[in-house]
């Protein structure tokens, strides 16, 4: 089976970003990538096109990085308050997940993808937690989450949860 080198015109998941020189199967390149305008055959004449794509890619990546740094600054200045219900015996109904943290941030005007929030395990005890959100390869923000459990049985679990919170975060 023959391979060919192509220059990607757009980002293709699992293959590369625009202006990348990649090797693909000849049939995939000739029958799909090139006709769809997703790639160009790697020839010396296309070198100018590579330079233009690399410049456009650098500008886009710089704008994305600046945007993520701005979002990280907003997140660092924000505290998310979340409430859970507990039953008669103090048993918590459910837990706080990265989806709920993302929704609480969205309610405060900060839109991020829930998959960027790195929550080791769901939060079930009252306390203050610091949760990492990896927004970009170079940008990580810390979300401060205050969890209040309504209907806890005694004060002792609250104090215990407050002491355990830094160890879990």
N, C-alpha and C. Protein backbone atom coordinates (compact mmCIF):
# COMPACT_ATOMS: atom_id res chain seq x y z
N UNK A 1 0.84 -1.19 0.00
CA UNK A 1 0.00 0.00 0.00
C UNK A 1 0.88 1.24 0.00
N UNK A 2 0.54 2.14 -0.86
CA UNK A 2 1.34 3.36 -1.00
C UNK A 2 0.83 4.44 -0.06
N UNK A 3 1.76 5.23 0.41
CA UNK A 3 1.43 6.39 1.25
C UNK A 3 1.75 7.65 0.49
N UNK A 4 1.14 8.74 0.93
CA UNK A 4 1.44 10.03 0.32
C UNK A 4 1.49 11.10 1.40
N UNK A 5 2.20 12.15 1.13
CA UNK A 5 2.30 13.26 2.07
C UNK A 5 1.34 14.35 1.62
N UNK A 6 0.58 14.86 2.61
CA UNK A 6 -0.37 15.93 2.34
C UNK A 6 -0.18 17.05 3.37
N UNK A 7 -0.61 18.23 3.00
CA UNK A 7 -0.61 19.39 3.88
C UNK A 7 -2.05 19.62 4.28
N UNK A 8 -2.34 19.58 5.59
CA UNK A 8 -3.71 19.76 6.05
C UNK A 8 -4.13 21.22 5.93
N UNK A 9 -5.34 21.44 5.42
CA UNK A 9 -5.89 22.79 5.29
C UNK A 9 -6.70 23.17 6.53
N UNK A 10 -7.21 22.18 7.26
CA UNK A 10 -7.98 22.42 8.48
C UNK A 10 -7.57 21.39 9.51
N UNK A 11 -8.02 21.60 10.73
CA UNK A 11 -7.73 20.64 11.80
C UNK A 11 -8.60 19.41 11.58
N UNK A 12 -7.97 18.24 11.61
CA UNK A 12 -8.69 16.98 11.48
C UNK A 12 -8.36 16.16 12.71
N UNK A 13 -9.39 15.81 13.47
CA UNK A 13 -9.21 15.07 14.72
C UNK A 13 -8.47 13.76 14.46
N UNK A 14 -7.43 13.51 15.21
CA UNK A 14 -6.67 12.29 15.09
C UNK A 14 -5.60 12.32 14.00
N UNK A 15 -5.54 13.42 13.24
CA UNK A 15 -4.56 13.51 12.16
C UNK A 15 -3.62 14.68 12.37
N UNK A 16 -4.17 15.88 12.64
CA UNK A 16 -3.32 17.04 12.87
C UNK A 16 -4.08 18.34 12.66
N UNK A 17 -3.34 19.44 12.76
CA UNK A 17 -3.91 20.78 12.59
C UNK A 17 -3.52 21.32 11.22
N UNK A 18 -4.10 22.48 10.87
CA UNK A 18 -3.78 23.07 9.59
C UNK A 18 -2.29 23.38 9.52
N UNK A 19 -1.75 23.26 8.31
CA UNK A 19 -0.35 23.49 7.99
C UNK A 19 0.55 22.34 8.43
N UNK A 20 0.00 21.26 8.96
CA UNK A 20 0.81 20.11 9.32
C UNK A 20 1.06 19.26 8.08
N UNK A 21 2.27 18.76 7.95
CA UNK A 21 2.62 17.85 6.87
C UNK A 21 2.48 16.44 7.43
N UNK A 22 1.53 15.67 6.92
CA UNK A 22 1.26 14.33 7.45
C UNK A 22 1.32 13.30 6.32
N UNK A 23 1.59 12.07 6.70
CA UNK A 23 1.59 10.96 5.76
C UNK A 23 0.32 10.16 5.95
N UNK A 24 -0.41 9.96 4.86
CA UNK A 24 -1.66 9.20 4.90
C UNK A 24 -1.65 8.16 3.78
N UNK A 25 -2.57 7.23 3.84
CA UNK A 25 -2.73 6.27 2.76
C UNK A 25 -3.10 7.03 1.48
N UNK A 26 -2.60 6.57 0.36
CA UNK A 26 -2.81 7.27 -0.91
C UNK A 26 -4.29 7.39 -1.24
N UNK A 27 -5.06 6.35 -1.00
CA UNK A 27 -6.49 6.39 -1.30
C UNK A 27 -7.23 7.40 -0.44
N UNK A 28 -6.89 7.46 0.85
CA UNK A 28 -7.53 8.40 1.77
C UNK A 28 -7.22 9.84 1.35
N UNK A 29 -5.98 10.07 0.95
CA UNK A 29 -5.60 11.41 0.52
C UNK A 29 -6.26 11.82 -0.78
N UNK A 30 -6.16 10.96 -1.79
CA UNK A 30 -6.69 11.30 -3.12
C UNK A 30 -8.21 11.26 -3.21
N UNK A 31 -8.83 10.34 -2.49
CA UNK A 31 -10.27 10.17 -2.63
C UNK A 31 -11.10 10.95 -1.62
N UNK A 32 -10.49 11.37 -0.51
CA UNK A 32 -11.29 12.07 0.51
C UNK A 32 -10.70 13.43 0.87
N UNK A 33 -9.48 13.45 1.38
CA UNK A 33 -8.93 14.70 1.90
C UNK A 33 -8.81 15.79 0.83
N UNK A 34 -8.20 15.46 -0.30
CA UNK A 34 -7.98 16.47 -1.34
C UNK A 34 -9.29 16.91 -2.00
N UNK A 35 -10.18 16.00 -2.43
CA UNK A 35 -11.45 16.46 -3.03
C UNK A 35 -12.33 17.27 -2.08
N UNK A 36 -12.29 16.97 -0.79
CA UNK A 36 -13.11 17.70 0.18
C UNK A 36 -12.49 19.05 0.54
N UNK A 37 -11.27 19.32 0.10
CA UNK A 37 -10.60 20.57 0.41
C UNK A 37 -10.00 20.57 1.81
N UNK A 38 -9.85 19.40 2.40
CA UNK A 38 -9.30 19.29 3.75
C UNK A 38 -7.78 19.24 3.74
N UNK A 39 -7.19 18.93 2.57
CA UNK A 39 -5.75 18.82 2.47
C UNK A 39 -5.32 19.11 1.04
N UNK A 40 -4.01 19.35 0.88
CA UNK A 40 -3.41 19.58 -0.43
C UNK A 40 -2.20 18.68 -0.55
N UNK A 41 -1.92 18.25 -1.76
CA UNK A 41 -0.76 17.41 -1.95
C UNK A 41 0.49 18.20 -1.63
N UNK A 42 1.43 17.55 -0.95
CA UNK A 42 2.66 18.21 -0.53
C UNK A 42 3.61 18.31 -1.72
N UNK A 43 3.67 19.49 -2.31
CA UNK A 43 4.59 19.74 -3.42
C UNK A 43 5.38 21.00 -3.09
N UNK A 44 6.52 21.18 -3.71
CA UNK A 44 7.30 22.41 -3.46
C UNK A 44 6.50 23.68 -3.78
N UNK A 45 5.60 23.60 -4.75
CA UNK A 45 4.81 24.77 -5.13
C UNK A 45 3.84 25.18 -4.02
N UNK A 46 3.46 24.23 -3.16
CA UNK A 46 2.52 24.54 -2.08
C UNK A 46 3.21 25.11 -0.83
N UNK A 47 4.51 25.37 -0.89
CA UNK A 47 5.23 25.91 0.26
C UNK A 47 4.67 27.27 0.70
N UNK A 48 4.32 28.13 -0.27
CA UNK A 48 3.72 29.43 0.08
C UNK A 48 2.42 29.22 0.84
N UNK A 49 1.64 28.25 0.41
CA UNK A 49 0.37 27.95 1.07
C UNK A 49 0.61 27.49 2.51
N UNK A 50 1.65 26.67 2.71
CA UNK A 50 2.00 26.23 4.06
C UNK A 50 2.32 27.43 4.95
N UNK A 51 3.10 28.35 4.43
CA UNK A 51 3.47 29.53 5.22
C UNK A 51 2.25 30.35 5.62
N UNK A 52 1.29 30.52 4.69
CA UNK A 52 0.08 31.27 4.98
C UNK A 52 -0.75 30.54 6.04
N UNK A 53 -0.86 29.23 5.92
CA UNK A 53 -1.62 28.46 6.90
C UNK A 53 -0.95 28.50 8.28
N UNK A 54 0.37 28.43 8.34
CA UNK A 54 1.07 28.48 9.62
C UNK A 54 0.86 29.83 10.30
N UNK A 55 0.86 30.90 9.52
CA UNK A 55 0.64 32.23 10.08
C UNK A 55 -0.79 32.33 10.64
N UNK A 56 -1.76 31.84 9.87
CA UNK A 56 -3.15 31.87 10.31
C UNK A 56 -3.33 31.02 11.57
N UNK A 57 -2.68 29.86 11.61
CA UNK A 57 -2.76 28.98 12.78
C UNK A 57 -2.15 29.65 14.01
N UNK A 58 -1.01 30.30 13.85
CA UNK A 58 -0.36 30.97 14.98
C UNK A 58 -1.24 32.09 15.53
N UNK A 59 -1.89 32.84 14.66
CA UNK A 59 -2.79 33.91 15.10
C UNK A 59 -3.98 33.34 15.86
N UNK A 60 -4.56 32.26 15.33
CA UNK A 60 -5.71 31.63 15.98
C UNK A 60 -5.32 31.08 17.35
N UNK A 61 -4.19 30.40 17.44
CA UNK A 61 -3.75 29.83 18.71
C UNK A 61 -3.44 30.91 19.74
N UNK A 62 -2.87 32.03 19.30
CA UNK A 62 -2.59 33.14 20.23
C UNK A 62 -3.89 33.74 20.75
N UNK A 63 -4.89 33.87 19.87
CA UNK A 63 -6.19 34.41 20.30
C UNK A 63 -6.88 33.46 21.26
N UNK A 64 -6.82 32.15 20.99
CA UNK A 64 -7.42 31.16 21.89
C UNK A 64 -6.74 31.19 23.25
N UNK A 65 -5.42 31.28 23.28
CA UNK A 65 -4.68 31.31 24.54
C UNK A 65 -5.06 32.53 25.36
N UNK A 66 -5.15 33.69 24.71
CA UNK A 66 -5.54 34.92 25.41
C UNK A 66 -6.95 34.79 25.96
N UNK A 67 -7.85 34.21 25.19
CA UNK A 67 -9.23 34.02 25.63
C UNK A 67 -9.29 33.09 26.84
N UNK A 68 -8.55 31.99 26.81
CA UNK A 68 -8.54 31.06 27.94
C UNK A 68 -7.91 31.67 29.18
N UNK A 69 -6.90 32.50 29.00
CA UNK A 69 -6.29 33.17 30.15
C UNK A 69 -7.28 34.14 30.79
N UNK A 70 -8.08 34.81 29.97
CA UNK A 70 -9.11 35.73 30.48
C UNK A 70 -10.17 34.95 31.25
N UNK A 71 -10.61 33.81 30.72
CA UNK A 71 -11.60 32.97 31.40
C UNK A 71 -11.03 32.45 32.72
N UNK A 72 -9.75 32.05 32.73
CA UNK A 72 -9.11 31.55 33.95
C UNK A 72 -9.08 32.63 35.03
N UNK A 73 -8.85 33.87 34.64
CA UNK A 73 -8.84 34.97 35.61
C UNK A 73 -10.24 35.17 36.20
N UNK A 74 -11.28 35.06 35.37
CA UNK A 74 -12.66 35.17 35.86
C UNK A 74 -12.98 34.04 36.83
N UNK A 75 -12.55 32.83 36.48
CA UNK A 75 -12.82 31.67 37.34
C UNK A 75 -12.12 31.81 38.68
N UNK A 76 -10.89 32.29 38.66
CA UNK A 76 -10.12 32.44 39.91
C UNK A 76 -10.79 33.44 40.86
N UNK A 77 -11.51 34.41 40.31
CA UNK A 77 -12.16 35.42 41.13
C UNK A 77 -13.59 35.02 41.51
N UNK A 78 -14.00 33.82 41.15
CA UNK A 78 -15.37 33.38 41.37
C UNK A 78 -15.43 32.26 42.40
N UNK A 79 -16.46 32.31 43.25
CA UNK A 79 -16.74 31.22 44.17
C UNK A 79 -18.09 30.63 43.80
N UNK A 80 -18.14 29.32 43.66
CA UNK A 80 -19.37 28.64 43.28
C UNK A 80 -19.99 28.05 44.55
N UNK A 81 -21.24 28.40 44.81
CA UNK A 81 -21.97 27.85 45.96
C UNK A 81 -22.95 26.80 45.45
N UNK A 82 -22.85 25.61 46.02
CA UNK A 82 -23.71 24.50 45.60
C UNK A 82 -24.33 23.88 46.85
N UNK A 83 -25.60 23.47 46.72
CA UNK A 83 -26.32 22.88 47.85
C UNK A 83 -26.78 21.48 47.48
N UNK A 84 -26.65 20.57 48.45
CA UNK A 84 -27.16 19.20 48.30
C UNK A 84 -28.19 18.95 49.38
N UNK A 85 -29.14 18.10 49.10
CA UNK A 85 -30.15 17.71 50.08
C UNK A 85 -29.69 16.44 50.79
N UNK A 86 -30.01 16.35 52.07
CA UNK A 86 -29.71 15.14 52.84
C UNK A 86 -31.01 14.65 53.47
N UNK A 87 -31.10 13.35 53.66
CA UNK A 87 -32.30 12.75 54.24
C UNK A 87 -32.31 12.82 55.76
N UNK A 88 -33.25 12.12 56.36
CA UNK A 88 -33.42 12.12 57.82
C UNK A 88 -32.17 11.63 58.53
N UNK A 89 -31.50 10.65 57.99
CA UNK A 89 -30.33 10.07 58.64
C UNK A 89 -29.04 10.79 58.27
N UNK A 90 -29.15 11.88 57.56
CA UNK A 90 -27.96 12.61 57.13
C UNK A 90 -27.34 12.06 55.87
N UNK A 91 -27.99 11.09 55.24
CA UNK A 91 -27.47 10.50 54.00
C UNK A 91 -27.72 11.48 52.85
N UNK A 92 -26.67 11.75 52.11
CA UNK A 92 -26.74 12.72 51.02
C UNK A 92 -27.40 12.09 49.80
N UNK A 93 -28.29 12.86 49.16
CA UNK A 93 -28.93 12.41 47.92
C UNK A 93 -28.06 12.88 46.76
N UNK A 94 -27.31 11.96 46.16
CA UNK A 94 -26.47 12.31 45.02
C UNK A 94 -25.15 12.93 45.45
N UNK A 95 -24.50 13.60 44.51
CA UNK A 95 -23.21 14.23 44.76
C UNK A 95 -23.03 15.36 43.75
N UNK A 96 -22.08 16.21 44.03
CA UNK A 96 -21.77 17.30 43.11
C UNK A 96 -20.76 16.77 42.08
N UNK A 97 -21.10 16.91 40.81
CA UNK A 97 -20.24 16.43 39.73
C UNK A 97 -19.69 17.62 38.94
N UNK A 98 -18.81 17.33 38.00
CA UNK A 98 -18.25 18.40 37.17
C UNK A 98 -19.34 19.09 36.34
N UNK A 99 -20.39 18.38 35.97
CA UNK A 99 -21.50 18.98 35.22
C UNK A 99 -22.19 20.06 36.05
N UNK A 100 -22.43 19.79 37.33
CA UNK A 100 -23.09 20.77 38.19
C UNK A 100 -22.20 21.97 38.45
N UNK A 101 -20.91 21.75 38.58
CA UNK A 101 -19.98 22.87 38.76
C UNK A 101 -19.98 23.73 37.50
N UNK A 102 -19.99 23.10 36.35
CA UNK A 102 -20.03 23.82 35.08
C UNK A 102 -21.31 24.64 34.95
N UNK A 103 -22.44 24.06 35.35
CA UNK A 103 -23.72 24.78 35.30
C UNK A 103 -23.72 25.96 36.26
N UNK A 104 -23.12 25.79 37.45
CA UNK A 104 -23.05 26.89 38.42
C UNK A 104 -22.18 28.02 37.89
N UNK A 105 -21.10 27.68 37.18
CA UNK A 105 -20.25 28.70 36.56
C UNK A 105 -21.02 29.41 35.44
N UNK A 106 -21.79 28.64 34.66
CA UNK A 106 -22.57 29.23 33.57
C UNK A 106 -23.61 30.21 34.12
N UNK A 107 -24.17 29.90 35.29
CA UNK A 107 -25.14 30.81 35.90
C UNK A 107 -24.48 32.13 36.29
N UNK A 108 -23.17 32.12 36.47
CA UNK A 108 -22.44 33.34 36.81
C UNK A 108 -21.79 33.96 35.57
N UNK A 109 -22.14 33.44 34.40
CA UNK A 109 -21.68 34.04 33.15
C UNK A 109 -20.36 33.50 32.63
N UNK A 110 -19.88 32.38 33.16
CA UNK A 110 -18.62 31.80 32.70
C UNK A 110 -18.93 30.46 32.04
N UNK A 111 -18.77 30.40 30.72
CA UNK A 111 -19.08 29.19 29.96
C UNK A 111 -17.80 28.40 29.70
N UNK A 112 -17.74 27.17 30.22
CA UNK A 112 -16.64 26.27 29.93
C UNK A 112 -17.19 24.87 29.68
N UNK A 113 -16.40 24.04 29.07
CA UNK A 113 -16.79 22.66 28.81
C UNK A 113 -16.65 21.85 30.09
N UNK A 114 -17.61 21.01 30.39
CA UNK A 114 -17.58 20.25 31.63
C UNK A 114 -16.42 19.27 31.67
N UNK A 115 -15.92 18.88 30.53
CA UNK A 115 -14.81 17.93 30.49
C UNK A 115 -13.49 18.56 30.92
N UNK A 116 -13.44 19.89 30.97
CA UNK A 116 -12.21 20.55 31.41
C UNK A 116 -12.06 20.51 32.92
N UNK A 117 -13.15 20.30 33.64
CA UNK A 117 -13.11 20.28 35.10
C UNK A 117 -12.60 18.92 35.56
N UNK A 118 -11.52 18.95 36.33
CA UNK A 118 -10.88 17.72 36.79
C UNK A 118 -11.29 17.45 38.23
N UNK A 119 -12.33 16.66 38.37
CA UNK A 119 -12.87 16.31 39.68
C UNK A 119 -12.50 14.86 39.95
N UNK A 120 -11.62 14.65 40.96
CA UNK A 120 -11.15 13.29 41.24
C UNK A 120 -12.30 12.37 41.61
N UNK A 121 -13.20 12.84 42.49
CA UNK A 121 -14.38 12.08 42.86
C UNK A 121 -15.50 13.07 43.17
N UNK A 122 -16.75 12.66 43.01
CA UNK A 122 -17.86 13.57 43.29
C UNK A 122 -17.83 14.06 44.74
N UNK A 123 -18.24 15.31 44.94
CA UNK A 123 -18.23 15.92 46.27
C UNK A 123 -19.52 15.58 47.00
N UNK A 124 -19.40 15.08 48.25
CA UNK A 124 -20.57 14.67 49.01
C UNK A 124 -20.64 15.27 50.40
N UNK A 125 -19.58 15.93 50.87
CA UNK A 125 -19.55 16.47 52.22
C UNK A 125 -19.47 17.99 52.18
N UNK A 126 -20.04 18.63 53.20
CA UNK A 126 -19.97 20.08 53.30
C UNK A 126 -18.51 20.51 53.39
N UNK A 127 -18.23 21.66 52.82
CA UNK A 127 -16.89 22.19 52.90
C UNK A 127 -16.55 23.05 51.70
N UNK A 128 -15.33 23.55 51.71
CA UNK A 128 -14.84 24.35 50.60
C UNK A 128 -13.79 23.52 49.86
N UNK A 129 -13.95 23.43 48.57
CA UNK A 129 -13.06 22.62 47.75
C UNK A 129 -12.46 23.48 46.66
N UNK A 130 -11.24 23.15 46.27
CA UNK A 130 -10.62 23.79 45.12
C UNK A 130 -10.49 22.74 44.03
N UNK A 131 -11.13 23.02 42.90
CA UNK A 131 -11.18 22.06 41.81
C UNK A 131 -10.46 22.65 40.60
N UNK A 132 -9.60 21.87 39.98
CA UNK A 132 -8.85 22.34 38.82
C UNK A 132 -9.68 22.22 37.55
N UNK A 133 -9.53 23.22 36.69
CA UNK A 133 -10.17 23.21 35.37
C UNK A 133 -9.07 23.44 34.34
N UNK A 134 -8.77 22.42 33.54
CA UNK A 134 -7.72 22.53 32.52
C UNK A 134 -8.35 23.06 31.24
N UNK A 135 -8.26 24.37 31.05
CA UNK A 135 -8.91 25.04 29.93
C UNK A 135 -8.14 24.88 28.62
N UNK A 136 -6.81 24.80 28.73
CA UNK A 136 -5.93 24.78 27.56
C UNK A 136 -4.66 24.06 27.99
N UNK A 137 -3.83 23.67 27.05
CA UNK A 137 -2.60 22.99 27.40
C UNK A 137 -1.75 23.83 28.36
N UNK A 138 -1.81 25.15 28.22
CA UNK A 138 -0.97 26.04 29.02
C UNK A 138 -1.75 26.78 30.10
N UNK A 139 -3.06 26.60 30.17
CA UNK A 139 -3.88 27.36 31.12
C UNK A 139 -4.72 26.42 31.99
N UNK A 140 -4.49 26.51 33.31
CA UNK A 140 -5.30 25.77 34.27
C UNK A 140 -5.84 26.76 35.29
N UNK A 141 -7.14 26.70 35.53
CA UNK A 141 -7.78 27.59 36.50
C UNK A 141 -8.22 26.77 37.71
N UNK A 142 -8.38 27.45 38.85
CA UNK A 142 -8.85 26.78 40.06
C UNK A 142 -10.22 27.33 40.41
N UNK A 143 -11.20 26.44 40.48
CA UNK A 143 -12.57 26.82 40.83
C UNK A 143 -12.75 26.58 42.33
N UNK A 144 -13.21 27.59 43.04
CA UNK A 144 -13.48 27.44 44.47
C UNK A 144 -14.96 27.06 44.61
N UNK A 145 -15.21 25.87 45.17
CA UNK A 145 -16.56 25.35 45.31
C UNK A 145 -16.90 25.25 46.79
N UNK A 146 -17.98 25.93 47.18
CA UNK A 146 -18.47 25.84 48.56
C UNK A 146 -19.70 24.95 48.53
N UNK A 147 -19.61 23.81 49.22
CA UNK A 147 -20.69 22.84 49.24
C UNK A 147 -21.38 22.89 50.59
N UNK A 148 -22.70 23.06 50.56
CA UNK A 148 -23.51 23.06 51.78
C UNK A 148 -24.50 21.90 51.65
N UNK A 149 -24.54 21.05 52.67
CA UNK A 149 -25.48 19.93 52.67
C UNK A 149 -26.62 20.30 53.60
N UNK A 150 -27.82 20.42 53.03
CA UNK A 150 -29.01 20.74 53.83
C UNK A 150 -29.50 19.48 54.53
N UNK A 151 -29.83 19.60 55.80
CA UNK A 151 -30.40 18.48 56.53
C UNK A 151 -29.39 17.54 57.12
N UNK A 152 -28.14 17.99 57.31
CA UNK A 152 -27.16 17.13 57.98
C UNK A 152 -27.59 16.89 59.41
N UNK A 153 -27.32 15.71 59.94
CA UNK A 153 -27.80 15.31 61.26
C UNK A 153 -27.17 16.10 62.38
N UNK A 154 -25.85 16.17 62.41
CA UNK A 154 -25.19 16.79 63.55
C UNK A 154 -24.15 17.79 63.07
N UNK A 155 -23.66 18.58 64.00
CA UNK A 155 -22.63 19.56 63.69
C UNK A 155 -21.27 18.88 63.50
N UNK A 156 -21.06 17.73 64.15
CA UNK A 156 -19.77 17.05 64.07
C UNK A 156 -19.37 16.72 62.63
N UNK A 157 -20.27 16.19 61.80
CA UNK A 157 -19.86 15.89 60.43
C UNK A 157 -19.44 17.15 59.66
N UNK A 158 -20.07 18.30 59.94
CA UNK A 158 -19.70 19.53 59.25
C UNK A 158 -18.27 19.91 59.59
N UNK A 159 -17.92 19.88 60.88
CA UNK A 159 -16.58 20.24 61.30
C UNK A 159 -15.57 19.24 60.73
N UNK A 160 -15.94 17.97 60.72
CA UNK A 160 -15.06 16.94 60.18
C UNK A 160 -14.85 17.16 58.69
N UNK A 161 -15.93 17.50 57.96
CA UNK A 161 -15.83 17.73 56.53
C UNK A 161 -14.97 18.95 56.25
N UNK A 162 -15.07 19.98 57.07
CA UNK A 162 -14.26 21.17 56.88
C UNK A 162 -12.78 20.87 57.08
N UNK A 163 -12.47 19.96 58.01
CA UNK A 163 -11.08 19.59 58.23
C UNK A 163 -10.57 18.71 57.09
N UNK A 164 -11.43 17.88 56.53
CA UNK A 164 -11.02 16.98 55.47
C UNK A 164 -10.92 17.67 54.12
N UNK A 165 -11.62 18.77 53.94
CA UNK A 165 -11.68 19.42 52.64
C UNK A 165 -10.30 19.74 52.05
N UNK A 166 -9.37 20.34 52.79
CA UNK A 166 -8.07 20.63 52.18
C UNK A 166 -7.32 19.36 51.75
N UNK A 167 -7.49 18.29 52.50
CA UNK A 167 -6.80 17.04 52.14
C UNK A 167 -7.37 16.46 50.85
N UNK A 168 -8.67 16.63 50.60
CA UNK A 168 -9.29 16.07 49.41
C UNK A 168 -9.04 16.93 48.19
N UNK A 169 -8.90 18.23 48.38
CA UNK A 169 -8.76 19.13 47.23
C UNK A 169 -7.44 18.96 46.53
